[in-house]
């Protein structure tokens, strides 16, 4: 007796052929084996369809992203909480602005070009023009983050008529130097940290190399050379009182010639010497290993609002000095954030006009960018706080909410107003797990 296996499709049921005494006898294959094979093939095809289908792949990626957001590390959770807290107050956070920045690509490209220009020994002034709430401070914080990435020191200053007026360059210099931060030291004034790092580097190398480094001080003016040499000598002797005196002079705290003479220097920070000293601070930073200094001036009170004419005149003149001080302040990038009111009132008082290429205009974000911004804020919110029924605020529902919110507005939507609306909406949804976005919008 001969047996032959005839291969057929599963649907036609594979059969065995038995030949006996020249006659062909058909017998069905074991049904149990056939059903097992069919089941295994179906499972294999099912899992193949899951991982090969573009739609399913997109869903899997979305699930992975959601799991990642909901299982943030303690550090990520803390940063997310700090960002959401700041946004809830309507202010830019101290750190993490790149986590939720969308749009503004031409501005970001321009900023990076400026940083490359400045690091080659040049100086540049830019003005950022935007109405209140348009995101001027946010842009300044983005510039600060890019500066850290490019190894610049930064100083973020809020200009006010009482504490830091633009009409007094000596006071502005003091705030700039005390506000210096670097990537490794962002939470407190970094000048002392920078000098200590420099001193320890000198101390760890040989005498020949130390002399070579000290020769570089000749690029600074005589007062700065004397001050840094004194810092090194007194630190070697552990004479911290004298070291503190050098720091006070660098920061602009020394206000009299008597104190300056005691230190061995001729000048101190004043209206007349501020820009030259700032230029030497920047050269010193370059000498200590940084690419330059980015100075971010955030105008809380516009120059035209100053009560006295003489103060307004001096403030405009100081802006002109900064604009024309490239020879005295190399490797310096000044960004001055102001409002249209400044340009309207400053007609014929400064050479920079509103339509100048030196001015960065902040226009409202388009709807597509606002939807992206809402999603980024939602992602941070998921990291910061526990959530229930998170599908209520998925991308689709959130985009629909943004469109409906925009359609309800009778006036221009500022970035600040939009961000605070999104955060307050998420606050409600997080507190009440059953409420929907559409219901929140109706109640608002």
Protein backbone atom coordinates (compact mmCIF):
# COMPACT_ATOMS: atom_id res chain seq x y z
CA UNK A 1 0.00 0.00 0.00
CA UNK A 2 1.30 3.44 -0.96
CA UNK A 3 0.52 6.73 0.76
CA UNK A 4 0.91 10.13 -0.84
CA UNK A 5 0.22 13.59 0.68
CA UNK A 6 -1.65 15.97 -1.57
CA UNK A 7 -1.07 19.65 -0.60
CA UNK A 8 -4.14 21.78 -1.03
CA UNK A 9 -5.37 25.03 0.43
CA UNK A 10 -6.71 24.87 3.95
CA UNK A 11 -10.18 25.73 2.73
CA UNK A 12 -10.30 22.58 0.58
CA UNK A 13 -9.23 20.40 3.52
CA UNK A 14 -5.88 18.60 2.86
CA UNK A 15 -6.42 14.89 2.10
CA UNK A 16 -4.33 11.73 2.20
CA UNK A 17 -4.42 9.45 -0.85
CA UNK A 18 -4.23 5.72 -0.10
CA UNK A 19 -3.64 3.37 -3.03
CA UNK A 20 -4.78 -0.20 -2.35
CA UNK A 21 -4.88 -2.96 -4.97
CA UNK A 22 -4.67 -0.33 -7.68
CA UNK A 23 -7.64 1.53 -6.33
CA UNK A 24 -7.48 5.09 -4.95
CA UNK A 25 -9.05 5.51 -1.50
CA UNK A 26 -9.55 9.16 -0.20
CA UNK A 27 -9.31 9.75 3.54
CA UNK A 28 -9.59 13.14 5.33
CA UNK A 29 -6.57 14.33 7.30
CA UNK A 30 -6.88 14.46 11.09
CA UNK A 31 -9.32 17.32 11.79
CA UNK A 32 -7.60 18.20 15.05
CA UNK A 33 -4.27 18.89 13.30
CA UNK A 34 -6.01 20.99 10.62
CA UNK A 35 -7.80 23.21 13.18
CA UNK A 36 -4.56 23.76 15.12
CA UNK A 37 -2.76 24.88 11.96
CA UNK A 38 -5.61 27.21 11.00
CA UNK A 39 -5.62 28.75 14.52
CA UNK A 40 -1.83 29.27 14.52
CA UNK A 41 -1.93 30.89 11.06
CA UNK A 42 -4.73 33.20 12.13
CA UNK A 43 -2.78 34.31 15.23
CA UNK A 44 0.36 34.91 13.18
CA UNK A 45 -1.55 36.98 10.62
CA UNK A 46 -3.26 38.93 13.41
CA UNK A 47 0.02 39.95 15.07
CA UNK A 48 1.57 40.73 11.69
CA UNK A 49 -1.33 43.07 10.93
CA UNK A 50 -0.83 44.83 14.29
CA UNK A 51 2.83 45.64 13.70
CA UNK A 52 2.72 46.29 9.95
CA UNK A 53 -0.41 48.42 9.65
CA UNK A 54 0.49 52.18 9.57
CA UNK A 55 -2.61 52.99 11.60
CA UNK A 56 -1.77 50.42 14.28
CA UNK A 57 1.87 51.52 14.36
CA UNK A 58 0.72 55.10 14.99
CA UNK A 59 -1.55 53.92 17.81
CA UNK A 60 1.29 51.94 19.40
CA UNK A 61 3.60 54.97 19.24
CA UNK A 62 0.88 57.10 20.85
CA UNK A 63 0.45 54.51 23.63
CA UNK A 64 4.23 54.41 24.21
CA UNK A 65 4.37 58.23 24.41
CA UNK A 66 1.45 58.30 26.85
CA UNK A 67 3.04 55.65 29.07
CA UNK A 68 6.32 57.60 29.01
CA UNK A 69 4.56 60.84 30.03
CA UNK A 70 2.57 59.20 32.80
CA UNK A 71 5.66 57.45 34.21
CA UNK A 72 7.97 60.48 34.49
CA UNK A 73 11.09 60.38 36.67
CA UNK A 74 11.05 62.44 39.91
CA UNK A 75 13.25 65.07 38.22
CA UNK A 76 10.96 65.32 35.18
CA UNK A 77 7.90 65.50 37.43
CA UNK A 78 9.45 68.30 39.52
CA UNK A 79 10.40 70.34 36.44
CA UNK A 80 6.93 69.81 34.91
CA UNK A 81 5.30 71.00 38.16
CA UNK A 82 7.47 74.13 38.21
CA UNK A 83 6.63 74.92 34.57
CA UNK A 84 2.87 74.44 35.06
CA UNK A 85 2.95 76.56 38.23
CA UNK A 86 4.65 79.42 36.35
CA UNK A 87 2.24 79.17 33.40
CA UNK A 88 -0.69 79.20 35.80
CA UNK A 89 0.58 82.57 37.08
CA UNK A 90 0.99 83.88 33.54
CA UNK A 91 4.80 84.14 33.69
CA UNK A 92 7.61 82.39 31.83
CA UNK A 93 9.27 79.59 33.88
CA UNK A 94 12.87 79.91 35.03
CA UNK A 95 13.81 76.68 33.24
CA UNK A 96 12.37 74.32 30.65
CA UNK A 97 10.93 76.77 28.11
CA UNK A 98 12.14 74.59 25.23
CA UNK A 99 9.85 71.82 26.53
CA UNK A 100 6.75 73.64 25.26
CA UNK A 101 8.00 76.09 22.63
CA UNK A 102 6.26 75.92 19.24
CA UNK A 103 6.35 78.09 16.12
CA UNK A 104 8.59 81.17 15.79
CA UNK A 105 11.00 79.21 13.54
CA UNK A 106 12.28 82.30 11.63
CA UNK A 107 13.04 84.04 14.95
CA UNK A 108 14.87 81.01 16.34
CA UNK A 109 16.94 80.74 13.17
CA UNK A 110 17.86 84.43 13.42
CA UNK A 111 18.88 84.03 17.07
CA UNK A 112 21.22 81.16 16.26
CA UNK A 113 22.79 83.19 13.45
CA UNK A 114 23.31 86.10 15.87
CA UNK A 115 24.98 83.85 18.46
CA UNK A 116 27.40 82.54 15.83
CA UNK A 117 28.13 86.14 14.78
CA UNK A 118 28.77 87.29 18.36
CA UNK A 119 31.01 84.37 19.32
CA UNK A 120 33.50 85.55 16.66
CA UNK A 121 34.27 88.73 18.60
CA UNK A 122 31.35 90.91 17.45
CA UNK A 123 28.64 92.82 19.30
CA UNK A 124 24.94 93.02 18.39
CA UNK A 125 21.76 94.67 19.68
CA UNK A 126 18.27 93.37 18.88
CA UNK A 127 14.92 94.77 19.98
CA UNK A 128 11.92 92.47 20.51
CA UNK A 129 8.62 94.26 19.87
CA UNK A 130 5.31 92.84 21.06
CA UNK A 131 2.18 93.81 22.95
CA UNK A 132 1.78 92.82 26.61
CA UNK A 133 1.23 89.07 26.89
CA UNK A 134 2.57 88.31 23.39
CA UNK A 135 5.47 86.18 24.71
CA UNK A 136 8.41 88.61 24.89
CA UNK A 137 9.76 87.17 28.15
CA UNK A 138 9.27 83.66 26.75
CA UNK A 139 11.41 84.57 23.71
CA UNK A 140 14.11 85.98 26.01
CA UNK A 141 14.10 82.71 27.98
CA UNK A 142 14.44 80.73 24.74
CA UNK A 143 17.43 82.90 23.76
CA UNK A 144 18.91 82.22 27.18
CA UNK A 145 18.53 78.44 26.69
CA UNK A 146 20.18 78.59 23.26
CA UNK A 147 22.98 80.70 24.76
CA UNK A 148 23.65 78.01 27.39
CA UNK A 149 23.77 75.36 24.67
CA UNK A 150 26.32 77.49 22.74
CA UNK A 151 28.46 77.97 25.90
CA UNK A 152 27.64 81.63 26.51
CA UNK A 153 27.22 83.23 29.92
CA UNK A 154 23.88 85.05 30.26
CA UNK A 155 22.32 87.81 32.35
CA UNK A 156 18.56 88.36 32.52
CA UNK A 157 17.60 91.85 33.76
CA UNK A 158 14.16 93.34 34.41
CA UNK A 159 14.28 97.10 33.81
CA UNK A 160 12.24 99.20 36.24
CA UNK A 161 12.24 102.94 36.96
CA UNK A 162 13.10 102.44 40.63
CA UNK A 163 15.51 99.47 40.87
CA UNK A 164 17.14 99.21 37.46
CA UNK A 165 16.47 102.27 35.29
CA UNK A 166 17.80 102.41 31.75
CA UNK A 167 18.87 106.02 32.30
CA UNK A 168 21.59 104.92 34.79
CA UNK A 169 24.18 102.69 33.10
CA UNK A 170 26.14 102.28 36.33
CA UNK A 171 23.17 100.61 38.01
CA UNK A 172 22.37 98.58 34.87
CA UNK A 173 26.01 97.34 34.84
CA UNK A 174 25.68 96.27 38.50
CA UNK A 175 22.51 94.28 37.78
CA UNK A 176 24.02 92.68 34.68
CA UNK A 177 27.15 91.43 36.47
CA UNK A 178 25.21 90.21 39.52
CA UNK A 179 22.77 88.48 37.15
CA UNK A 180 25.42 86.48 35.28
CA UNK A 181 24.57 82.78 35.01
CA UNK A 182 26.20 79.87 33.20
CA UNK A 183 24.85 76.48 32.15
CA UNK A 184 26.33 74.66 35.16
CA UNK A 185 25.29 77.37 37.63
CA UNK A 186 21.85 78.77 36.79
CA UNK A 187 20.11 79.26 40.12
CA UNK A 188 22.40 81.86 41.74
CA UNK A 189 24.91 84.58 40.74
CA UNK A 190 27.70 82.77 38.92
CA UNK A 191 30.59 85.26 38.92
CA UNK A 192 32.18 83.86 42.07
CA UNK A 193 31.74 80.30 40.77
CA UNK A 194 33.42 81.28 37.48
CA UNK A 195 36.39 82.90 39.24
CA UNK A 196 36.80 79.98 41.65
CA UNK A 197 36.79 77.57 38.70
CA UNK A 198 39.48 79.69 37.00
CA UNK A 199 41.60 79.85 40.17
CA UNK A 200 41.45 76.06 40.71
CA UNK A 201 42.45 75.51 37.07
CA UNK A 202 45.49 77.77 37.49
CA UNK A 203 46.39 76.04 40.75
CA UNK A 204 46.30 72.58 39.17
CA UNK A 205 48.72 73.31 36.29
CA UNK A 206 52.48 73.81 36.20
CA UNK A 207 54.27 77.12 36.72
CA UNK A 208 55.09 77.55 33.00
CA UNK A 209 51.46 77.05 31.99
CA UNK A 210 50.32 79.37 34.78
CA UNK A 211 52.56 82.16 33.47
CA UNK A 212 51.18 81.61 29.96
CA UNK A 213 47.61 81.95 31.27
CA UNK A 214 48.46 85.08 33.24
CA UNK A 215 50.00 86.61 30.10
CA UNK A 216 46.53 86.42 28.56
CA UNK A 217 45.38 88.97 31.14
CA UNK A 218 47.20 91.64 29.13
CA UNK A 219 44.23 91.64 26.74
CA UNK A 220 42.18 93.20 29.55
CA UNK A 221 42.59 96.80 30.63
CA UNK A 222 45.01 97.56 33.48
CA UNK A 223 42.36 97.67 36.23
CA UNK A 224 40.99 94.22 35.34
CA UNK A 225 44.49 92.77 35.10
CA UNK A 226 45.29 94.14 38.58
CA UNK A 227 41.98 92.85 40.02
CA UNK A 228 42.32 89.30 38.67
CA UNK A 229 45.98 89.06 39.66
CA UNK A 230 45.04 90.21 43.17
CA UNK A 231 42.22 87.64 43.25
CA UNK A 232 44.69 84.85 42.47
CA UNK A 233 47.32 86.04 44.96
CA UNK A 234 44.88 86.60 47.84
CA UNK A 235 43.10 83.28 47.17
CA UNK A 236 46.50 81.54 47.36
CA UNK A 237 47.01 83.15 50.78
CA UNK A 238 43.43 82.27 51.86
CA UNK A 239 42.85 85.99 52.42
CA UNK A 240 39.11 85.88 51.71
CA UNK A 241 38.47 89.45 52.83
CA UNK A 242 40.58 90.77 49.95
CA UNK A 243 39.05 88.23 47.56
CA UNK A 244 35.61 89.57 48.54
CA UNK A 245 36.82 93.10 47.82
CA UNK A 246 37.79 92.10 44.25
CA UNK A 247 34.32 90.56 43.76
CA UNK A 248 32.65 93.74 45.04
CA UNK A 249 34.63 95.84 42.57
CA UNK A 250 33.77 93.55 39.64
CA UNK A 251 30.07 93.62 40.59
CA UNK A 252 29.94 97.41 40.79
CA UNK A 253 29.47 97.60 44.58
CA UNK A 254 32.50 99.84 45.06
CA UNK A 255 31.30 103.42 44.53
CA UNK A 256 34.20 105.61 45.70
CA UNK A 257 37.73 106.31 44.48
CA UNK A 258 39.05 105.69 47.99
CA UNK A 259 37.86 102.06 47.97
CA UNK A 260 39.14 101.65 44.40
CA UNK A 261 42.60 102.95 45.36
CA UNK A 262 42.73 100.53 48.30
CA UNK A 263 42.23 97.70 45.82
CA UNK A 264 44.93 99.17 43.57
CA UNK A 265 42.67 100.12 40.65
CA UNK A 266 41.94 103.54 39.21
CA UNK A 267 38.26 103.38 38.15
CA UNK A 268 34.97 101.88 39.36
CA UNK A 269 31.62 101.22 37.66
CA UNK A 270 29.80 104.45 36.84
CA UNK A 271 27.76 106.04 34.04
CA UNK A 272 30.99 106.87 32.17
CA UNK A 273 32.89 103.59 32.68
CA UNK A 274 30.03 101.03 32.68
CA UNK A 275 30.24 99.91 29.04
CA UNK A 276 34.04 99.68 29.06
CA UNK A 277 33.94 97.60 32.27
CA UNK A 278 31.17 95.44 30.78
CA UNK A 279 33.36 94.84 27.74
CA UNK A 280 36.20 93.73 30.02
CA UNK A 281 33.82 91.45 31.95
CA UNK A 282 32.94 89.81 28.62
CA UNK A 283 36.62 89.51 27.62
CA UNK A 284 37.32 87.98 31.03
CA UNK A 285 34.51 85.44 30.46
CA UNK A 286 35.99 84.57 27.05
CA UNK A 287 39.41 84.24 28.66
CA UNK A 288 37.87 81.87 31.24
CA UNK A 289 36.46 79.61 28.52
CA UNK A 290 33.05 81.04 27.51
CA UNK A 291 32.02 82.28 24.06
CA UNK A 292 30.71 85.62 25.29
CA UNK A 293 27.88 87.23 27.24
CA UNK A 294 24.19 87.38 26.30
CA UNK A 295 22.42 90.29 28.04
CA UNK A 296 18.61 90.05 28.12
CA UNK A 297 16.88 93.32 29.02
CA UNK A 298 13.17 92.86 29.79
CA UNK A 299 11.42 96.23 29.92
CA UNK A 300 8.79 96.26 32.67
CA UNK A 301 8.33 100.03 32.47
CA UNK A 302 8.73 101.62 29.03
CA UNK A 303 11.21 104.47 28.65
CA UNK A 304 8.43 106.89 27.50
CA UNK A 305 6.64 106.28 30.82
CA UNK A 306 9.53 107.73 32.86
CA UNK A 307 8.26 110.82 34.65
CA UNK A 308 11.17 113.18 33.99
CA UNK A 309 12.20 114.40 30.54
CA UNK A 310 15.89 114.31 31.42
CA UNK A 311 15.60 110.64 32.44
CA UNK A 312 13.85 109.70 29.19
CA UNK A 313 16.50 111.55 27.18
CA UNK A 314 19.33 109.80 29.03
CA UNK A 315 17.67 106.38 28.64
CA UNK A 316 17.42 106.84 24.83
CA UNK A 317 21.05 107.99 24.74
CA UNK A 318 22.12 104.88 26.66
CA UNK A 319 20.36 102.67 24.12
CA UNK A 320 22.24 104.48 21.38
CA UNK A 321 25.51 103.88 23.27
CA UNK A 322 24.79 100.14 23.45
CA UNK A 323 23.96 100.14 19.73
CA UNK A 324 27.31 101.76 18.88
CA UNK A 325 29.55 100.07 21.45
CA UNK A 326 30.74 97.06 19.45
CA UNK A 327 34.41 98.12 19.77
CA UNK A 328 34.12 98.40 23.56
CA UNK A 329 31.96 95.29 24.19
CA UNK A 330 33.12 92.45 21.91
CA UNK A 331 31.42 89.03 22.18
CA UNK A 332 28.29 90.73 23.57
CA UNK A 333 24.68 90.11 22.50
CA UNK A 334 22.11 92.63 23.82
CA UNK A 335 18.39 91.89 23.46
CA UNK A 336 15.95 94.59 24.56
CA UNK A 337 12.29 93.52 24.86
CA UNK A 338 9.75 96.36 24.59
CA UNK A 339 6.25 97.25 23.34
CA UNK A 340 4.80 99.23 20.39
CA UNK A 341 4.34 102.13 22.85
CA UNK A 342 8.13 102.51 22.96
CA UNK A 343 8.38 102.96 19.18
CA UNK A 344 5.35 105.25 18.99
CA UNK A 345 6.82 107.61 21.57
CA UNK A 346 10.48 107.28 20.54
CA UNK A 347 10.01 108.80 17.07
CA UNK A 348 13.13 110.83 16.13
CA UNK A 349 14.77 109.98 19.48
CA UNK A 350 16.59 106.79 18.42
CA UNK A 351 17.96 105.64 15.08
CA UNK A 352 16.27 102.24 15.28
CA UNK A 353 12.77 102.34 13.80
CA UNK A 354 9.98 99.80 14.16
CA UNK A 355 10.54 98.46 10.63
CA UNK A 356 14.32 98.08 11.13
CA UNK A 357 15.93 94.68 10.55
CA UNK A 358 17.25 94.95 14.10
CA UNK A 359 13.69 94.62 15.45
CA UNK A 360 12.07 91.20 16.01
CA UNK A 361 8.28 91.48 15.69
CA UNK A 362 6.15 89.07 17.74
CA UNK A 363 2.94 88.28 15.86
CA UNK A 364 0.09 86.12 17.25
CA UNK A 365 0.57 82.38 16.82
CA UNK A 366 -1.63 80.76 14.11
CA UNK A 367 -4.25 78.17 15.07
CA UNK A 368 -2.04 75.22 14.06
CA UNK A 369 0.71 76.37 16.44
CA UNK A 370 -1.80 77.03 19.22
CA UNK A 371 -3.00 73.42 18.92
CA UNK A 372 0.59 72.17 19.14
CA UNK A 373 1.18 74.42 22.15
CA UNK A 374 -1.92 73.05 23.90
CA UNK A 375 -0.69 69.48 23.37
CA UNK A 376 2.78 70.29 24.76
CA UNK A 377 1.26 71.91 27.86
CA UNK A 378 -1.08 68.92 28.27
CA UNK A 379 1.94 66.57 28.09
CA UNK A 380 3.69 68.54 30.84
CA UNK A 381 0.49 68.47 32.90
CA UNK A 382 0.31 64.68 32.57
CA UNK A 383 3.86 64.45 33.89
CA UNK A 384 3.23 66.82 36.77
CA UNK A 385 -0.05 65.48 38.22
CA UNK A 386 -1.98 62.16 38.51
CA UNK A 387 -4.80 61.75 35.99
CA UNK A 388 -8.02 59.76 35.59
CA UNK A 389 -9.91 59.22 32.33
CA UNK A 390 -7.16 60.84 30.27
CA UNK A 391 -8.90 60.18 26.95
CA UNK A 392 -11.00 63.32 27.60
CA UNK A 393 -7.95 65.45 26.79
CA UNK A 394 -6.41 63.41 23.97
CA UNK A 395 -5.03 65.21 20.90
CA UNK A 396 -8.29 65.10 18.97
CA UNK A 397 -10.45 66.49 21.80
CA UNK A 398 -7.85 69.11 22.66
CA UNK A 399 -7.60 70.33 19.05
CA UNK A 400 -11.39 70.62 18.90
CA UNK A 401 -11.37 72.58 22.17
CA UNK A 402 -8.76 75.03 20.80
CA UNK A 403 -10.76 75.62 17.61
CA UNK A 404 -13.96 76.28 19.57
CA UNK A 405 -12.12 78.58 22.00
CA UNK A 406 -10.65 80.64 19.13
CA UNK A 407 -14.06 80.96 17.48
CA UNK A 408 -15.56 82.36 20.69
CA UNK A 409 -13.00 85.20 21.00
CA UNK A 410 -13.93 88.69 19.90
CA UNK A 411 -10.40 90.08 20.12
CA UNK A 412 -6.83 89.03 19.38
CA UNK A 413 -5.64 86.08 21.47
CA UNK A 414 -2.33 86.73 23.22
CA UNK A 415 0.00 83.85 24.08
CA UNK A 416 -0.37 84.56 27.80
CA UNK A 417 -4.19 84.47 27.69
CA UNK A 418 -4.21 81.24 25.67
CA UNK A 419 -1.70 79.47 27.93
CA UNK A 420 -3.54 80.43 31.11
CA UNK A 421 -6.83 79.22 29.57
CA UNK A 422 -5.33 75.83 28.71
CA UNK A 423 -3.80 75.39 32.17
CA UNK A 424 -6.99 76.42 34.00
CA UNK A 425 -9.01 74.03 31.79
CA UNK A 426 -6.63 71.17 32.57
CA UNK A 427 -6.88 72.08 36.28
CA UNK A 428 -10.66 71.58 36.12
CA UNK A 429 -10.41 68.31 34.14
CA UNK A 430 -7.81 66.94 36.53
CA UNK A 431 -9.91 67.80 39.58
CA UNK A 432 -13.19 66.49 38.11
CA UNK A 433 -12.53 63.20 36.22
CA UNK A 434 -15.99 63.08 34.60
CA UNK A 435 -16.15 66.59 33.16
CA UNK A 436 -15.51 67.05 29.41
CA UNK A 437 -13.60 69.80 27.63
CA UNK A 438 -16.71 71.02 25.85
CA UNK A 439 -18.52 71.45 29.16
CA UNK A 440 -15.58 73.44 30.59
CA UNK A 441 -15.66 75.74 27.56
CA UNK A 442 -19.41 76.35 27.93
CA UNK A 443 -19.01 77.24 31.61
CA UNK A 444 -16.24 79.69 30.77
